Amino acid sequence: MTVLSPESLRQIKRLDLRARMVVQGFLQGLHGSPFQGFSVQFADHRRYNRGDDPRLIDWLVYAKTDKYFIKRFEAETNITGYLAIDTSASMGVHSSLAGHTDTDTMTKFEYCTCLAAALTYLMTLQQDPVGLVALGERMRALLPPRSRRGHLSEVVAAISRLEPKGTVDLVGGLSRLSAMMGKNSLVMVFSDLMPSGDQADDVEKHLDETISALSRLKHGGNDVIVFHVLDEAEVNFPFEGPITFEDAESGEAITVDASGFRDVYLDQLRHFRESLVSRCGDLNIDLVLLHTGMAFDTALTEYLLERQRSG
C-alpha cells in the first residue's frame, strides 16, 4: 500500500498531514520519472520551444533529463490558483454504507479535500498565491489568493471546516467565480459533476450548462483543470441483487435489481464521461477522471503538466 493511496491516508485524521504525505511521496516518485532532475525545481523551468533564446537553456537539467528546459524568471513563474470545491451532499456519499465496498475508501468529498490540500501545498512550494471557494447552494469565496507565509495553514484549515451538505448550483457558482477573477489564473474544480434538484431530470441539459460555465472561465484568459471524482462503486458498480439507492440531496429512494441494471447504468456513465472528455477537449480544458480508490499520482502529475503548459 503506497503513501499516495486513499486507504493509507484515511487512517490519518489531520488534513495537513495527509497533504504533506501526498506531496512528499509524489516528489520522491518524480526521481526516475520523465521529470527526473526537476523535483521542486519544476516551477523555475519550462520546456524549450523553438524561438526561445538558447542562452537560457539549463544544461544541468539537460544532463539529467536529456531534455531541453529554459530558466524562467520569477514574474513568469507565478500563477494565481483558485480551488473550487463542490460541497453538495452527493459528495459525502460512501458506498460502504451499503456494505458493498472497503470501509477504508474515502468519500468523494474526503478525496477532493485531500487532493485540494495537496495541491495547495505544491503551489506554496512554488510561491504561487492560491485562493479557495466553496460551491454549494451558492458560491462562497472563503479565502482570497495569497502567497504569504502561513497562508497554507489558513487554506488547509478552511478546507477542513467544509462539510458536504445540501444541493449545489455548480453552473451558477462557476459563473460567479469567472466574474470575480482576474485573468491568467489556474482554476481547479473538484466535483462529481452530478446534477442537483431539478437538474437531475435532464442530465444532458446539466452537462451543456456546466460546459458553458467552464467555457466562460477558460475564455477569461484562465487555465482550467476539472478533477471529476466519483466513488469507486459508482465507476465499477459491484452491486448484486435487489438494492435500494437513496438520493443524498432529495432523500428520494429507488429499489432496483442491480444485476439487471448494471449494463444500462455503466453504458450511461460511459456515455456521460465520453461526452465530458470530448467537450472539455474541444475547449482545451484539462479533465482528470478519478475515483476514490485511485492513488493521487494521476491528479498531481496532471497539475504539474498544466503548470508546464501555462509557462
C-alpha atoms as a PDB file:
ATOM      1  CA  MET A   1       0.000   0.000   0.000  1.00  0.00           C
ATOM      2  CA  THR A   2       1.612   3.275  -1.140  1.00  0.00           C
ATOM      3  CA  VAL A   3       1.679   6.539   0.771  1.00  0.00           C
ATOM      4  CA  LEU A   4      -0.424   8.050  -2.030  1.00  0.00           C
ATOM      5  CA  SER A   5      -3.309   5.577  -1.662  1.00  0.00           C
ATOM      6  CA  PRO A   6      -6.607   6.758  -0.135  1.00  0.00           C
ATOM      7  CA  GLU A   7      -6.697   3.650   2.096  1.00  0.00           C
ATOM      8  CA  SER A   8      -3.437   4.512   3.827  1.00  0.00           C
ATOM      9  CA  LEU A   9      -4.242   8.213   4.155  1.00  0.00           C
ATOM     10  CA  ARG A  10      -7.711   7.700   5.620  1.00  0.00           C
ATOM     11  CA  GLN A  11      -6.087   6.461   8.822  1.00  0.00           C
ATOM     12  CA  ILE A  12      -4.609   9.957   9.262  1.00  0.00           C
ATOM     13  CA  LYS A  13      -7.206  12.380  10.586  1.00  0.00           C
ATOM     14  CA  ARG A  14      -5.375  15.689  10.128  1.00  0.00           C
ATOM     15  CA  LEU A  15      -5.750  17.112   6.641  1.00  0.00           C
ATOM     16  CA  ASP A  16      -2.433  18.987   6.770  1.00  0.00           C
ATOM     17  CA  LEU A  17      -0.560  15.743   7.477  1.00  0.00           C
ATOM     18  CA  ARG A  18      -2.425  13.948   4.684  1.00  0.00           C
ATOM     19  CA  ALA A  19      -1.459  16.706   2.239  1.00  0.00           C
ATOM     20  CA  ARG A  20       2.167  16.699   3.336  1.00  0.00           C
ATOM     21  CA  MET A  21       2.454  12.916   2.941  1.00  0.00           C
ATOM     22  CA  VAL A  22       0.862  13.010  -0.521  1.00  0.00           C
ATOM     23  CA  VAL A  23       3.195  15.728  -1.790  1.00  0.00           C
ATOM     24  CA  GLN A  24       6.347  14.291  -0.246  1.00  0.00           C
ATOM     25  CA  GLY A  25       5.563  10.858  -1.668  1.00  0.00           C
ATOM     26  CA  PHE A  26       4.803  12.383  -5.050  1.00  0.00           C
ATOM     27  CA  LEU A  27       8.024  14.414  -5.199  1.00  0.00           C
ATOM     28  CA  GLN A  28      10.060  11.367  -4.215  1.00  0.00           C
ATOM     29  CA  GLY A  29       8.373   9.470  -7.025  1.00  0.00           C
ATOM     30  CA  LEU A  30       9.474  12.073  -9.562  1.00  0.00           C
ATOM     31  CA  HIS A  31      13.022  10.729  -9.343  1.00  0.00           C
ATOM     32  CA  GLY A  32      13.472   8.168 -12.091  1.00  0.00           C
ATOM     33  CA  SER A  33      10.381   9.523 -13.899  1.00  0.00           C
ATOM     34  CA  PRO A  34      10.236  11.748 -17.010  1.00  0.00           C
ATOM     35  CA  PHE A  35      10.547  14.645 -14.545  1.00  0.00           C
ATOM     36  CA  GLN A  36      13.811  13.331 -13.105  1.00  0.00           C
ATOM     37  CA  GLY A  37      16.028  16.208 -12.042  1.00  0.00           C
ATOM     38  CA  PHE A  38      13.024  18.500 -11.978  1.00  0.00           C
ATOM     39  CA  SER A  39      11.708  17.788  -8.461  1.00  0.00           C
ATOM     40  CA  VAL A  40      10.640  21.027  -6.812  1.00  0.00           C
ATOM     41  CA  GLN A  41      12.689  22.960  -9.360  1.00  0.00           C
ATOM     42  CA  PHE A  42       9.959  22.429 -11.951  1.00  0.00           C
ATOM     43  CA  ALA A  43       8.447  25.810 -11.080  1.00  0.00           C
ATOM     44  CA  ASP A  44      11.624  27.536 -12.251  1.00  0.00           C
ATOM     45  CA  HIS A  45      11.828  25.942 -15.681  1.00  0.00           C
ATOM     46  CA  ARG A  46       9.746  25.227 -18.736  1.00  0.00           C
ATOM     47  CA  ARG A  47      10.323  23.185 -21.851  1.00  0.00           C
ATOM     48  CA  TYR A  48      12.409  24.813 -24.570  1.00  0.00           C
ATOM     49  CA  ASN A  49      10.302  25.929 -27.520  1.00  0.00           C
ATOM     50  CA  ARG A  50      11.534  26.894 -30.964  1.00  0.00           C
ATOM     51  CA  GLY A  51      12.297  30.611 -30.931  1.00  0.00           C
ATOM     52  CA  ASP A  52      13.442  30.691 -27.283  1.00  0.00           C
ATOM     53  CA  ASP A  53      16.885  32.103 -26.557  1.00  0.00           C
ATOM     54  CA  PRO A  54      19.298  29.103 -26.418  1.00  0.00           C
ATOM     55  CA  ARG A  55      21.364  31.006 -23.852  1.00  0.00           C
ATOM     56  CA  LEU A  56      18.553  30.378 -21.334  1.00  0.00           C
ATOM     57  CA  ILE A  57      18.852  26.568 -21.598  1.00  0.00           C
ATOM     58  CA  ASP A  58      19.708  24.936 -18.274  1.00  0.00           C
ATOM     59  CA  TRP A  59      22.417  22.467 -19.242  1.00  0.00           C
ATOM     60  CA  LEU A  60      22.479  20.845 -15.800  1.00  0.00           C
ATOM     61  CA  VAL A  61      18.844  19.852 -16.208  1.00  0.00           C
ATOM     62  CA  TYR A  62      19.604  18.663 -19.754  1.00  0.00           C
ATOM     63  CA  ALA A  63      22.413  16.456 -18.406  1.00  0.00           C
ATOM     64  CA  LYS A  64      19.963  14.768 -16.022  1.00  0.00           C
ATOM     65  CA  THR A  65      16.884  14.524 -18.247  1.00  0.00           C
ATOM     66  CA  ASP A  66      18.223  14.587 -21.815  1.00  0.00           C
ATOM     67  CA  LYS A  67      15.565  17.243 -22.467  1.00  0.00           C
ATOM     68  CA  TYR A  68      15.866  20.974 -23.046  1.00  0.00           C
ATOM     69  CA  PHE A  69      14.431  23.285 -20.381  1.00  0.00           C
ATOM     70  CA  ILE A  70      14.945  27.002 -20.075  1.00  0.00           C
ATOM     71  CA  LYS A  71      15.119  29.039 -16.901  1.00  0.00           C
ATOM     72  CA  ARG A  72      12.090  31.115 -16.048  1.00  0.00           C
ATOM     73  CA  PHE A  73      12.126  34.405 -14.250  1.00  0.00           C
ATOM     74  CA  GLU A  74      10.053  34.934 -11.111  1.00  0.00           C
ATOM     75  CA  ALA A  75       7.418  37.043 -12.827  1.00  0.00           C
ATOM     76  CA  GLU A  76       6.972  34.336 -15.452  1.00  0.00           C
ATOM     77  CA  THR A  77       6.708  31.567 -12.895  1.00  0.00           C
ATOM     78  CA  ASN A  78       3.946  32.755 -10.586  1.00  0.00           C
ATOM     79  CA  ILE A  79       0.342  31.940 -11.370  1.00  0.00           C
ATOM     80  CA  THR A  80      -2.706  32.628  -9.242  1.00  0.00           C
ATOM     81  CA  GLY A  81      -4.607  29.469  -8.339  1.00  0.00           C
ATOM     82  CA  TYR A  82      -8.230  29.018  -7.280  1.00  0.00           C
ATOM     83  CA  LEU A  83      -9.547  25.845  -5.644  1.00  0.00           C
ATOM     84  CA  ALA A  84     -13.271  25.401  -6.332  1.00  0.00           C
ATOM     85  CA  ILE A  85     -14.686  22.535  -4.246  1.00  0.00           C
ATOM     86  CA  ASP A  86     -18.159  21.014  -4.656  1.00  0.00           C
ATOM     87  CA  THR A  87     -19.718  20.798  -1.160  1.00  0.00           C
ATOM     88  CA  SER A  88     -23.044  19.174  -2.090  1.00  0.00           C
ATOM     89  CA  ALA A  89     -24.400  16.217  -0.113  1.00  0.00           C
ATOM     90  CA  SER A  90     -23.757  13.833  -3.016  1.00  0.00           C
ATOM     91  CA  MET A  91     -20.025  14.347  -2.465  1.00  0.00           C
ATOM     92  CA  GLY A  92     -20.300  12.822   1.015  1.00  0.00           C
ATOM     93  CA  VAL A  93     -21.914   9.559  -0.053  1.00  0.00           C
ATOM     94  CA  HIS A  94     -19.866   6.490   0.823  1.00  0.00           C
ATOM     95  CA  SER A  95     -20.755   3.267  -0.961  1.00  0.00           C
ATOM     96  CA  SER A  96     -19.509   1.239   2.019  1.00  0.00           C
ATOM     97  CA  LEU A  97     -22.630   2.350   3.881  1.00  0.00           C
ATOM     98  CA  ALA A  98     -24.437  -0.304   1.874  1.00  0.00           C
ATOM     99  CA  GLY A  99     -21.833  -2.858   2.816  1.00  0.00           C
ATOM    100  CA  HIS A 100     -20.519  -3.297  -0.703  1.00  0.00           C
ATOM    101  CA  THR A 101     -17.026  -1.769  -0.648  1.00  0.00           C
ATOM    102  CA  ASP A 102     -13.991  -1.369   1.565  1.00  0.00           C
ATOM    103  CA  THR A 103     -14.752   0.921   4.513  1.00  0.00           C
ATOM    104  CA  ASP A 104     -11.225   2.363   4.275  1.00  0.00           C
ATOM    105  CA  THR A 105     -12.041   4.057   0.971  1.00  0.00           C
ATOM    106  CA  MET A 106     -12.500   7.822   1.172  1.00  0.00           C
ATOM    107  CA  THR A 107     -15.742   9.530   0.272  1.00  0.00           C
ATOM    108  CA  LYS A 108     -15.647  11.719  -2.816  1.00  0.00           C
ATOM    109  CA  PHE A 109     -15.559  14.773  -0.569  1.00  0.00           C
ATOM    110  CA  GLU A 110     -12.650  13.443   1.515  1.00  0.00           C
ATOM    111  CA  TYR A 111     -10.777  12.564  -1.657  1.00  0.00           C
ATOM    112  CA  CYS A 112     -11.313  16.044  -3.130  1.00  0.00           C
ATOM    113  CA  THR A 113     -10.346  17.913   0.037  1.00  0.00           C
ATOM    114  CA  CYS A 114      -7.185  15.837   0.418  1.00  0.00           C
ATOM    115  CA  LEU A 115      -6.289  16.474  -3.213  1.00  0.00           C
ATOM    116  CA  ALA A 116      -7.037  20.203  -2.884  1.00  0.00           C
ATOM    117  CA  ALA A 117      -4.874  20.461   0.246  1.00  0.00           C
ATOM    118  CA  ALA A 118      -2.018  18.637  -1.507  1.00  0.00           C
ATOM    119  CA  LEU A 119      -2.223  20.989  -4.489  1.00  0.00           C
ATOM    120  CA  THR A 120      -2.179  23.953  -2.100  1.00  0.00           C
ATOM    121  CA  TYR A 121       0.988  22.506  -0.610  1.00  0.00           C
ATOM    122  CA  LEU A 122       2.542  22.186  -4.093  1.00  0.00           C
ATOM    123  CA  MET A 123       1.570  25.728  -5.047  1.00  0.00           C
ATOM    124  CA  THR A 124       3.060  27.024  -1.821  1.00  0.00           C
ATOM    125  CA  LEU A 125       6.343  25.324  -2.696  1.00  0.00           C
ATOM    126  CA  GLN A 126       6.245  27.260  -5.952  1.00  0.00           C
ATOM    127  CA  GLN A 127       5.335  30.513  -4.155  1.00  0.00           C
ATOM    128  CA  ASP A 128       2.090  30.709  -6.127  1.00  0.00           C
ATOM    129  CA  PRO A 129      -0.858  32.502  -4.491  1.00  0.00           C
ATOM    130  CA  VAL A 130      -3.891  30.272  -4.022  1.00  0.00           C
ATOM    131  CA  GLY A 131      -7.491  31.074  -3.094  1.00  0.00           C
ATOM    132  CA  LEU A 132     -10.447  28.926  -2.041  1.00  0.00           C
ATOM    133  CA  VAL A 133     -14.129  28.943  -2.967  1.00  0.00           C
ATOM    134  CA  ALA A 134     -16.876  26.528  -1.930  1.00  0.00           C
ATOM    135  CA  LEU A 135     -19.522  25.526  -4.463  1.00  0.00           C
ATOM    136  CA  GLY A 136     -22.818  24.741  -2.756  1.00  0.00           C
ATOM    137  CA  GLU A 137     -26.324  26.185  -2.966  1.00  0.00           C
ATOM    138  CA  ARG A 138     -24.408  29.411  -3.541  1.00  0.00           C
ATOM    139  CA  MET A 139     -20.758  30.137  -4.130  1.00  0.00           C
ATOM    140  CA  ARG A 140     -18.768  31.204  -1.069  1.00  0.00           C
ATOM    141  CA  ALA A 141     -15.399  32.893  -1.527  1.00  0.00           C
ATOM    142  CA  LEU A 142     -13.640  31.690   1.612  1.00  0.00           C
ATOM    143  CA  LEU A 143     -10.090  32.951   1.113  1.00  0.00           C
ATOM    144  CA  PRO A 144      -8.537  35.316  -1.447  1.00  0.00           C
ATOM    145  CA  PRO A 145      -5.360  34.189  -3.226  1.00  0.00           C
ATOM    146  CA  ARG A 146      -2.200  34.873  -1.210  1.00  0.00           C
ATOM    147  CA  SER A 147       1.328  33.515  -1.168  1.00  0.00           C
ATOM    148  CA  ARG A 148       2.401  34.874   2.201  1.00  0.00           C
ATOM    149  CA  ARG A 149       3.809  32.734   4.974  1.00  0.00           C
ATOM    150  CA  GLY A 150       1.065  30.989   6.917  1.00  0.00           C
ATOM    151  CA  HIS A 151      -1.431  31.032   4.038  1.00  0.00           C
ATOM    152  CA  LEU A 152      -1.033  27.269   3.537  1.00  0.00           C
ATOM    153  CA  SER A 153      -2.271  26.679   7.085  1.00  0.00           C
ATOM    154  CA  GLU A 154      -5.181  29.079   6.529  1.00  0.00           C
ATOM    155  CA  VAL A 155      -6.296  27.328   3.341  1.00  0.00           C
ATOM    156  CA  VAL A 156      -5.992  23.826   4.798  1.00  0.00           C
ATOM    157  CA  ALA A 157      -7.874  24.903   7.934  1.00  0.00           C
ATOM    158  CA  ALA A 158     -10.659  26.405   5.807  1.00  0.00           C
ATOM    159  CA  ILE A 159     -10.877  23.221   3.711  1.00  0.00           C
ATOM    160  CA  SER A 160     -11.069  21.160   6.921  1.00  0.00           C
ATOM    161  CA  ARG A 161     -14.134  23.122   8.031  1.00  0.00           C
ATOM    162  CA  LEU A 162     -16.090  22.389   4.864  1.00  0.00           C
ATOM    163  CA  GLU A 163     -18.924  19.842   5.015  1.00  0.00           C
ATOM    164  CA  PRO A 164     -20.837  18.115   2.214  1.00  0.00           C
ATOM    165  CA  LYS A 165     -24.498  19.065   2.592  1.00  0.00           C
ATOM    166  CA  GLY A 166     -27.448  20.342   0.613  1.00  0.00           C
ATOM    167  CA  THR A 167     -27.517  20.840  -3.125  1.00  0.00           C
ATOM    168  CA  VAL A 168     -25.090  22.586  -5.439  1.00  0.00           C
ATOM    169  CA  ASP A 169     -25.626  25.273  -8.032  1.00  0.00           C
ATOM    170  CA  LEU A 170     -22.490  24.278  -9.904  1.00  0.00           C
ATOM    171  CA  VAL A 171     -23.260  26.284 -13.010  1.00  0.00           C
ATOM    172  CA  GLY A 172     -24.128  29.454 -11.099  1.00  0.00           C
ATOM    173  CA  GLY A 173     -21.107  29.068  -8.840  1.00  0.00           C
ATOM    174  CA  LEU A 174     -18.663  28.673 -11.712  1.00  0.00           C
ATOM    175  CA  SER A 175     -20.250  31.631 -13.497  1.00  0.00           C
ATOM    176  CA  ARG A 176     -19.875  33.858 -10.434  1.00  0.00           C
ATOM    177  CA  LEU A 177     -16.296  32.664  -9.993  1.00  0.00           C
ATOM    178  CA  SER A 178     -15.461  33.698 -13.554  1.00  0.00           C
ATOM    179  CA  ALA A 179     -16.932  37.152 -12.895  1.00  0.00           C
ATOM    180  CA  MET A 180     -14.836  37.786  -9.781  1.00  0.00           C
ATOM    181  CA  MET A 181     -11.497  36.508 -11.080  1.00  0.00           C
ATOM    182  CA  GLY A 182      -8.765  38.277 -12.937  1.00  0.00           C
ATOM    183  CA  LYS A 183      -7.092  36.823 -15.991  1.00  0.00           C
ATOM    184  CA  ASN A 184      -4.240  34.349 -16.286  1.00  0.00           C
ATOM    185  CA  SER A 185      -5.294  32.268 -13.306  1.00  0.00           C
ATOM    186  CA  LEU A 186      -5.355  28.497 -12.829  1.00  0.00           C
ATOM    187  CA  VAL A 187      -8.808  27.267 -11.772  1.00  0.00           C
ATOM    188  CA  MET A 188      -9.010  23.783 -10.230  1.00  0.00           C
ATOM    189  CA  VAL A 189     -12.556  22.399  -9.977  1.00  0.00           C
ATOM    190  CA  PHE A 190     -13.219  19.384  -7.717  1.00  0.00           C
ATOM    191  CA  SER A 191     -16.624  17.783  -8.258  1.00  0.00           C
ATOM    192  CA  ASP A 192     -18.576  14.673  -9.198  1.00  0.00           C
ATOM    193  CA  LEU A 193     -20.441  16.978 -11.633  1.00  0.00           C
ATOM    194  CA  MET A 194     -23.716  15.359 -10.593  1.00  0.00           C
ATOM    195  CA  PRO A 195     -26.856  17.429 -11.276  1.00  0.00           C
ATOM    196  CA  SER A 196     -28.836  18.637  -8.258  1.00  0.00           C
ATOM    197  CA  GLY A 197     -32.518  19.350  -7.709  1.00  0.00           C
ATOM    198  CA  ASP A 198     -34.489  19.937 -10.897  1.00  0.00           C
ATOM    199  CA  GLN A 199     -31.334  19.443 -12.964  1.00  0.00           C
ATOM    200  CA  ALA A 200     -31.345  15.729 -12.091  1.00  0.00           C
ATOM    201  CA  ASP A 201     -34.204  15.171 -14.548  1.00  0.00           C
ATOM    202  CA  ASP A 202     -32.181  16.392 -17.535  1.00  0.00           C
ATOM    203  CA  VAL A 203     -28.551  15.256 -17.411  1.00  0.00           C
ATOM    204  CA  GLU A 204     -27.791  16.467 -20.955  1.00  0.00           C
ATOM    205  CA  LYS A 205     -29.012  19.974 -20.160  1.00  0.00           C
ATOM    206  CA  HIS A 206     -26.945  19.981 -16.972  1.00  0.00           C
ATOM    207  CA  LEU A 207     -23.864  18.935 -18.942  1.00  0.00           C
ATOM    208  CA  ASP A 208     -24.498  21.657 -21.545  1.00  0.00           C
ATOM    209  CA  GLU A 209     -24.765  24.318 -18.846  1.00  0.00           C
ATOM    210  CA  THR A 210     -21.702  23.033 -16.968  1.00  0.00           C
ATOM    211  CA  ILE A 211     -19.571  23.106 -20.119  1.00  0.00           C
ATOM    212  CA  SER A 212     -20.833  26.612 -20.861  1.00  0.00           C
ATOM    213  CA  ALA A 213     -19.797  27.799 -17.382  1.00  0.00           C
ATOM    214  CA  LEU A 214     -16.369  26.172 -17.732  1.00  0.00           C
ATOM    215  CA  SER A 215     -16.038  27.827 -21.129  1.00  0.00           C
ATOM    216  CA  ARG A 216     -16.566  31.260 -19.573  1.00  0.00           C
ATOM    217  CA  LEU A 217     -13.758  30.519 -17.113  1.00  0.00           C
ATOM    218  CA  LYS A 218     -11.475  29.449 -19.951  1.00  0.00           C
ATOM    219  CA  HIS A 219     -12.302  32.344 -22.232  1.00  0.00           C
ATOM    220  CA  GLY A 220     -11.465  34.765 -19.450  1.00  0.00           C
ATOM    221  CA  GLY A 221      -7.809  34.008 -20.150  1.00  0.00           C
ATOM    222  CA  ASN A 222      -7.522  31.319 -17.482  1.00  0.00           C
ATOM    223  CA  ASP A 223      -6.328  27.729 -17.436  1.00  0.00           C
ATOM    224  CA  VAL A 224      -8.862  25.241 -16.107  1.00  0.00           C
ATOM    225  CA  ILE A 225      -8.428  21.734 -14.676  1.00  0.00           C
ATOM    226  CA  VAL A 226     -11.515  19.714 -13.767  1.00  0.00           C
ATOM    227  CA  PHE A 227     -10.961  16.836 -11.356  1.00  0.00           C
ATOM    228  CA  HIS A 228     -14.007  14.641 -11.942  1.00  0.00           C
ATOM    229  CA  VAL A 229     -14.163  12.410  -8.866  1.00  0.00           C
ATOM    230  CA  LEU A 230     -16.598   9.521  -8.464  1.00  0.00           C
ATOM    231  CA  ASP A 231     -16.958   6.885  -5.780  1.00  0.00           C
ATOM    232  CA  GLU A 232     -15.190   3.665  -6.706  1.00  0.00           C
ATOM    233  CA  ALA A 233     -18.517   1.825  -6.636  1.00  0.00           C
ATOM    234  CA  GLU A 234     -20.081   4.440  -8.936  1.00  0.00           C
ATOM    235  CA  VAL A 235     -17.425   3.535 -11.510  1.00  0.00           C
ATOM    236  CA  ASN A 236     -17.389  -0.257 -11.078  1.00  0.00           C
ATOM    237  CA  PHE A 237     -20.978  -0.885  -9.856  1.00  0.00           C
ATOM    238  CA  PRO A 238     -20.194  -4.019  -7.797  1.00  0.00           C
ATOM    239  CA  PHE A 239     -23.768  -4.443  -6.513  1.00  0.00           C
ATOM    240  CA  GLU A 240     -25.779  -7.650  -6.805  1.00  0.00           C
ATOM    241  CA  GLY A 241     -29.474  -8.460  -6.476  1.00  0.00           C
ATOM    242  CA  PRO A 242     -32.191  -6.107  -5.192  1.00  0.00           C
ATOM    243  CA  ILE A 243     -30.754  -2.929  -3.687  1.00  0.00           C
ATOM    244  CA  THR A 244     -32.199   0.400  -2.613  1.00  0.00           C
ATOM    245  CA  PHE A 245     -30.434   3.626  -3.590  1.00  0.00           C
ATOM    246  CA  GLU A 246     -31.266   6.884  -1.843  1.00  0.00           C
ATOM    247  CA  ASP A 247     -30.566  10.336  -3.248  1.00  0.00           C
ATOM    248  CA  ALA A 248     -28.344  12.107  -0.712  1.00  0.00           C
ATOM    249  CA  GLU A 249     -29.831  15.504  -1.514  1.00  0.00           C
ATOM    250  CA  SER A 250     -33.549  14.846  -2.038  1.00  0.00           C
ATOM    251  CA  GLY A 251     -33.940  11.718   0.113  1.00  0.00           C
ATOM    252  CA  GLU A 252     -35.810  10.015  -2.733  1.00  0.00           C
ATOM    253  CA  ALA A 253     -35.276   6.248  -2.759  1.00  0.00           C
ATOM    254  CA  ILE A 254     -35.493   3.685  -5.531  1.00  0.00           C
ATOM    255  CA  THR A 255     -35.110  -0.107  -5.455  1.00  0.00           C
ATOM    256  CA  VAL A 256     -33.652  -1.877  -8.464  1.00  0.00           C
ATOM    257  CA  ASP A 257     -32.326  -5.279  -9.454  1.00  0.00           C
ATOM    258  CA  ALA A 258     -28.632  -4.374  -9.556  1.00  0.00           C
ATOM    259  CA  SER A 259     -27.701  -7.334 -11.746  1.00  0.00           C
ATOM    260  CA  GLY A 260     -30.166  -6.365 -14.449  1.00  0.00           C
ATOM    261  CA  PHE A 261     -29.497  -2.639 -14.125  1.00  0.00           C
ATOM    262  CA  ARG A 262     -25.684  -2.812 -14.285  1.00  0.00           C
ATOM    263  CA  ASP A 263     -25.210  -2.768 -18.070  1.00  0.00           C
ATOM    264  CA  VAL A 264     -27.639   0.127 -18.540  1.00  0.00           C
ATOM    265  CA  TYR A 265     -26.007   2.153 -15.762  1.00  0.00           C
ATOM    266  CA  LEU A 266     -22.430   1.547 -16.945  1.00  0.00           C
ATOM    267  CA  ASP A 267     -23.394   2.418 -20.516  1.00  0.00           C
ATOM    268  CA  GLN A 268     -24.943   5.716 -19.406  1.00  0.00           C
ATOM    269  CA  LEU A 269     -21.889   6.539 -17.278  1.00  0.00           C
ATOM    270  CA  ARG A 270     -19.568   5.752 -20.183  1.00  0.00           C
ATOM    271  CA  HIS A 271     -21.608   7.997 -22.475  1.00  0.00           C
ATOM    272  CA  PHE A 272     -21.557  10.843 -19.922  1.00  0.00           C
ATOM    273  CA  ARG A 273     -17.798  10.661 -19.402  1.00  0.00           C
ATOM    274  CA  GLU A 274     -17.007  10.306 -23.105  1.00  0.00           C
ATOM    275  CA  SER A 275     -19.083  13.395 -23.820  1.00  0.00           C
ATOM    276  CA  LEU A 276     -17.359  15.236 -20.987  1.00  0.00           C
ATOM    277  CA  VAL A 277     -13.909  14.280 -22.298  1.00  0.00           C
ATOM    278  CA  SER A 278     -14.781  15.318 -25.846  1.00  0.00           C
ATOM    279  CA  ARG A 279     -16.297  18.679 -24.959  1.00  0.00           C
ATOM    280  CA  CYS A 280     -13.594  19.653 -22.490  1.00  0.00           C
ATOM    281  CA  GLY A 281     -11.033  18.689 -25.111  1.00  0.00           C
ATOM    282  CA  ASP A 282     -12.698  20.979 -27.651  1.00  0.00           C
ATOM    283  CA  LEU A 283     -12.273  23.878 -25.207  1.00  0.00           C
ATOM    284  CA  ASN A 284      -8.709  22.933 -24.249  1.00  0.00           C
ATOM    285  CA  ILE A 285      -9.854  22.329 -20.660  1.00  0.00           C
ATOM    286  CA  ASP A 286      -7.910  19.671 -18.781  1.00  0.00           C
ATOM    287  CA  LEU A 287     -10.103  16.883 -17.419  1.00  0.00           C
ATOM    288  CA  VAL A 288      -8.805  14.319 -14.927  1.00  0.00           C
ATOM    289  CA  LEU A 289     -11.067  11.282 -14.425  1.00  0.00           C
ATOM    290  CA  LEU A 290     -10.640   9.875 -10.913  1.00  0.00           C
ATOM    291  CA  HIS A 291     -12.361   7.609  -8.418  1.00  0.00           C
ATOM    292  CA  THR A 292     -11.900   7.214  -4.687  1.00  0.00           C
ATOM    293  CA  GLY A 293      -9.826   4.044  -4.982  1.00  0.00           C
ATOM    294  CA  MET A 294      -7.108   5.666  -7.098  1.00  0.00           C
ATOM    295  CA  ALA A 295      -3.755   6.887  -5.800  1.00  0.00           C
ATOM    296  CA  PHE A 296      -3.174  10.624  -6.045  1.00  0.00           C
ATOM    297  CA  ASP A 297      -0.283  10.413  -8.545  1.00  0.00           C
ATOM    298  CA  THR A 298      -2.524  10.875 -11.588  1.00  0.00           C
ATOM    299  CA  ALA A 299      -4.037  14.130 -10.377  1.00  0.00           C
ATOM    300  CA  LEU A 300      -0.773  15.650  -9.173  1.00  0.00           C
ATOM    301  CA  THR A 301       1.016  14.727 -12.398  1.00  0.00           C
ATOM    302  CA  GLU A 302      -1.730  16.418 -14.414  1.00  0.00           C
ATOM    303  CA  TYR A 303      -1.332  19.536 -12.296  1.00  0.00           C
ATOM    304  CA  LEU A 304       2.418  19.502 -12.909  1.00  0.00           C
ATOM    305  CA  LEU A 305       1.912  19.147 -16.662  1.00  0.00           C
ATOM    306  CA  GLU A 306      -0.597  22.012 -16.648  1.00  0.00           C
ATOM    307  CA  ARG A 307       1.904  24.229 -14.853  1.00  0.00           C
ATOM    308  CA  GLN A 308       4.433  23.473 -17.587  1.00  0.00           C
ATOM    309  CA  ARG A 309       1.925  24.266 -20.319  1.00  0.00           C
ATOM    310  CA  SER A 310       0.863  27.506 -18.624  1.00  0.00           C
ATOM    311  CA  GLY A 311       4.519  28.548 -18.513  1.00  0.00           C
END
